[in-house]
N, C-alpha and C. Protein backbone atom coordinates (compact mmCIF):
# COMPACT_ATOMS: atom_id res chain seq x y z
N UNK A 1 18.63 48.24 14.43
CA UNK A 1 19.10 48.61 13.11
C UNK A 1 18.86 50.10 12.91
N UNK A 2 19.71 50.71 12.13
CA UNK A 2 19.56 52.13 11.86
C UNK A 2 18.51 52.30 10.76
N UNK A 3 17.53 53.17 11.01
CA UNK A 3 16.43 53.38 10.06
C UNK A 3 16.17 54.86 9.86
N UNK A 4 15.78 55.20 8.64
CA UNK A 4 15.30 56.54 8.34
C UNK A 4 13.79 56.50 8.41
N UNK A 5 13.20 57.46 9.13
CA UNK A 5 11.75 57.50 9.32
C UNK A 5 11.23 58.90 9.06
N UNK A 6 9.95 58.97 8.75
CA UNK A 6 9.30 60.25 8.47
C UNK A 6 7.89 60.21 9.05
N UNK A 7 7.41 61.38 9.50
CA UNK A 7 6.02 61.48 9.93
C UNK A 7 5.46 62.81 9.47
N UNK A 8 4.17 62.81 9.17
CA UNK A 8 3.50 64.02 8.72
C UNK A 8 3.17 64.92 9.90
N UNK A 9 3.37 66.22 9.69
CA UNK A 9 2.99 67.23 10.68
C UNK A 9 2.27 68.34 9.93
N UNK A 10 1.65 69.24 10.65
CA UNK A 10 0.95 70.36 10.02
C UNK A 10 1.94 71.15 9.15
N UNK A 11 1.64 71.27 7.89
CA UNK A 11 2.46 72.04 6.97
C UNK A 11 3.66 71.32 6.41
N UNK A 12 3.78 70.01 6.62
CA UNK A 12 4.92 69.31 6.06
C UNK A 12 5.18 67.97 6.71
N UNK A 13 6.46 67.69 6.94
CA UNK A 13 6.82 66.42 7.56
C UNK A 13 8.13 66.57 8.33
N UNK A 14 8.38 65.62 9.23
CA UNK A 14 9.63 65.55 9.97
C UNK A 14 10.35 64.30 9.54
N UNK A 15 11.67 64.35 9.55
CA UNK A 15 12.47 63.18 9.20
C UNK A 15 13.45 62.91 10.33
N UNK A 16 13.72 61.64 10.59
CA UNK A 16 14.63 61.27 11.67
C UNK A 16 15.35 59.98 11.29
N UNK A 17 16.58 59.86 11.74
CA UNK A 17 17.33 58.61 11.61
C UNK A 17 17.63 58.14 13.03
N UNK A 18 17.34 56.86 13.30
CA UNK A 18 17.52 56.35 14.65
C UNK A 18 17.76 54.85 14.62
N UNK A 19 18.35 54.33 15.70
CA UNK A 19 18.49 52.90 15.86
C UNK A 19 17.22 52.36 16.51
N UNK A 20 16.61 51.35 15.90
CA UNK A 20 15.42 50.72 16.47
C UNK A 20 15.63 49.21 16.46
N UNK A 21 14.90 48.48 17.32
CA UNK A 21 15.04 47.02 17.34
C UNK A 21 14.71 46.40 15.98
N UNK A 22 15.39 45.31 15.65
CA UNK A 22 15.26 44.65 14.36
C UNK A 22 13.81 44.28 14.02
N UNK A 23 13.04 43.84 15.02
CA UNK A 23 11.67 43.40 14.74
C UNK A 23 10.76 44.54 14.28
N UNK A 24 11.16 45.79 14.54
CA UNK A 24 10.37 46.94 14.10
C UNK A 24 10.93 47.57 12.82
N UNK A 25 12.10 47.16 12.39
CA UNK A 25 12.79 47.75 11.25
C UNK A 25 12.31 47.14 9.94
N UNK A 26 11.09 47.48 9.54
CA UNK A 26 10.49 47.00 8.29
C UNK A 26 9.98 48.21 7.51
N UNK A 27 10.41 48.33 6.25
CA UNK A 27 9.98 49.46 5.42
C UNK A 27 8.46 49.49 5.34
N UNK A 28 7.90 50.66 5.58
CA UNK A 28 6.45 50.85 5.53
C UNK A 28 5.76 50.70 6.88
N UNK A 29 6.45 50.17 7.86
CA UNK A 29 5.85 49.97 9.17
C UNK A 29 5.67 51.33 9.86
N UNK A 30 4.52 51.51 10.51
CA UNK A 30 4.22 52.74 11.24
C UNK A 30 4.50 52.49 12.72
N UNK A 31 5.31 53.37 13.31
CA UNK A 31 5.76 53.17 14.68
C UNK A 31 5.33 54.30 15.60
N UNK A 32 5.32 53.99 16.86
CA UNK A 32 5.11 54.96 17.94
C UNK A 32 6.42 55.02 18.70
N UNK A 33 7.08 56.19 18.68
CA UNK A 33 8.40 56.34 19.28
C UNK A 33 8.36 57.28 20.47
N UNK A 34 9.25 57.05 21.40
CA UNK A 34 9.33 57.91 22.60
C UNK A 34 10.25 59.09 22.36
N UNK A 35 9.74 60.26 22.68
CA UNK A 35 10.51 61.51 22.62
C UNK A 35 10.62 61.99 24.07
N UNK A 36 11.84 62.18 24.55
CA UNK A 36 12.05 62.55 25.95
C UNK A 36 11.31 63.82 26.35
N UNK A 37 11.10 64.74 25.41
CA UNK A 37 10.48 66.02 25.77
C UNK A 37 8.95 65.98 25.75
N UNK A 38 8.35 65.10 24.96
CA UNK A 38 6.88 65.10 24.85
C UNK A 38 6.22 63.75 25.09
N UNK A 39 6.98 62.71 25.30
CA UNK A 39 6.40 61.38 25.52
C UNK A 39 6.32 60.60 24.21
N UNK A 40 5.30 59.77 24.09
CA UNK A 40 5.15 58.90 22.92
C UNK A 40 4.56 59.67 21.75
N UNK A 41 5.12 59.46 20.56
CA UNK A 41 4.69 60.15 19.34
C UNK A 41 4.35 59.10 18.29
N UNK A 42 3.11 59.15 17.79
CA UNK A 42 2.63 58.21 16.78
C UNK A 42 2.97 58.70 15.37
N UNK A 43 2.92 57.78 14.42
CA UNK A 43 2.96 58.14 13.01
C UNK A 43 4.30 58.11 12.32
N UNK A 44 5.34 57.57 12.95
CA UNK A 44 6.64 57.49 12.28
C UNK A 44 6.63 56.30 11.32
N UNK A 45 6.87 56.57 10.04
CA UNK A 45 6.86 55.53 9.01
C UNK A 45 8.31 55.21 8.63
N UNK A 46 8.66 53.93 8.70
CA UNK A 46 10.02 53.51 8.34
C UNK A 46 10.16 53.60 6.82
N UNK A 47 11.11 54.41 6.35
CA UNK A 47 11.33 54.59 4.92
C UNK A 47 12.53 53.82 4.40
N UNK A 48 13.53 53.63 5.25
CA UNK A 48 14.76 52.97 4.83
C UNK A 48 15.35 52.24 6.02
N UNK A 49 15.82 51.02 5.77
CA UNK A 49 16.44 50.21 6.83
C UNK A 49 17.89 49.96 6.44
N UNK A 50 18.81 50.28 7.35
CA UNK A 50 20.23 50.05 7.09
C UNK A 50 20.56 48.57 7.05
N UNK A 51 21.72 48.25 6.52
CA UNK A 51 22.13 46.85 6.39
C UNK A 51 22.97 46.36 7.56
N UNK A 52 23.56 47.27 8.31
CA UNK A 52 24.45 46.89 9.40
C UNK A 52 23.63 46.64 10.67
N UNK A 53 23.83 45.48 11.27
CA UNK A 53 23.14 45.14 12.52
C UNK A 53 24.05 45.55 13.67
N UNK A 54 23.51 46.35 14.60
CA UNK A 54 24.25 46.81 15.76
C UNK A 54 23.57 46.24 16.99
N UNK A 55 24.31 45.53 17.81
CA UNK A 55 23.76 44.97 19.04
C UNK A 55 23.58 46.07 20.08
N UNK A 56 22.67 45.85 21.02
CA UNK A 56 22.33 46.85 22.03
C UNK A 56 23.51 47.40 22.80
N UNK A 57 24.48 46.56 23.13
CA UNK A 57 25.63 47.03 23.90
C UNK A 57 26.61 47.83 23.05
N UNK A 58 26.42 47.86 21.72
CA UNK A 58 27.30 48.60 20.83
C UNK A 58 26.65 49.88 20.30
N UNK A 59 25.41 50.16 20.70
CA UNK A 59 24.73 51.37 20.24
C UNK A 59 25.46 52.61 20.75
N UNK A 60 25.53 53.65 19.93
CA UNK A 60 26.17 54.87 20.39
C UNK A 60 25.37 55.47 21.55
N UNK A 61 26.07 55.99 22.54
CA UNK A 61 25.44 56.62 23.70
C UNK A 61 25.51 58.13 23.50
N UNK A 62 24.42 58.73 23.02
CA UNK A 62 24.43 60.16 22.70
C UNK A 62 24.64 61.02 23.95
N UNK A 63 24.10 60.59 25.09
CA UNK A 63 24.28 61.37 26.31
C UNK A 63 25.76 61.42 26.71
N UNK A 64 26.45 60.30 26.58
CA UNK A 64 27.88 60.24 26.90
C UNK A 64 28.67 61.10 25.91
N UNK A 65 28.31 61.03 24.62
CA UNK A 65 29.01 61.82 23.61
C UNK A 65 28.83 63.32 23.85
N UNK A 66 27.64 63.73 24.21
CA UNK A 66 27.38 65.16 24.48
C UNK A 66 28.17 65.60 25.71
N UNK A 67 28.17 64.77 26.76
CA UNK A 67 28.90 65.10 27.99
C UNK A 67 30.39 65.24 27.70
N UNK A 68 30.95 64.30 26.91
CA UNK A 68 32.37 64.38 26.56
C UNK A 68 32.68 65.61 25.73
N UNK A 69 31.78 65.96 24.81
CA UNK A 69 31.97 67.15 23.98
C UNK A 69 31.99 68.40 24.85
N UNK A 70 31.04 68.49 25.78
CA UNK A 70 30.97 69.66 26.65
C UNK A 70 32.22 69.79 27.51
N UNK A 71 32.71 68.66 28.00
CA UNK A 71 33.93 68.70 28.81
C UNK A 71 35.12 69.16 27.98
N UNK A 72 35.23 68.67 26.75
CA UNK A 72 36.40 69.00 25.92
C UNK A 72 36.36 70.42 25.37
N UNK A 73 35.17 71.01 25.25
CA UNK A 73 35.06 72.37 24.69
C UNK A 73 34.84 73.43 25.75
N UNK A 74 34.60 73.01 26.99
CA UNK A 74 34.35 73.98 28.05
C UNK A 74 32.90 74.43 28.11
N UNK A 75 32.03 73.83 27.30
CA UNK A 75 30.62 74.21 27.31
C UNK A 75 29.92 73.85 28.61
N UNK A 76 30.52 72.99 29.42
CA UNK A 76 29.87 72.59 30.67
C UNK A 76 30.23 73.52 31.82
N UNK A 77 31.13 74.48 31.58
CA UNK A 77 31.52 75.42 32.62
C UNK A 77 30.36 76.37 32.92
N UNK A 78 30.20 76.76 34.18
CA UNK A 78 29.13 77.71 34.51
C UNK A 78 29.32 79.01 33.75
N UNK A 79 28.22 79.58 33.35
CA UNK A 79 28.26 80.85 32.62
C UNK A 79 28.34 82.00 33.61
N UNK A 80 29.14 82.99 33.27
CA UNK A 80 29.26 84.19 34.11
C UNK A 80 28.29 85.22 33.59
N UNK A 81 27.53 85.81 34.49
CA UNK A 81 26.56 86.84 34.09
C UNK A 81 27.24 88.22 34.17
N UNK A 82 27.06 88.99 33.13
CA UNK A 82 27.71 90.30 33.07
C UNK A 82 26.87 91.35 33.74
């Protein structure tokens, strides 16, 4: 399910919207989520749970979308150094 989450950081907070499994999509639940760049991150609090249920095979594939965008805009072409 799509959920809005927030976690406290030094000087403020971070907000994120993400698809998470239904069993974890409960308002007020504190989660530990995986971030590809830093590993597991604690302290994400579910603030809002969407109403639409999306099955795993229907989840958007962000890596595929980025790859398609780069191909269509030419961003994937090697850069020429001046």
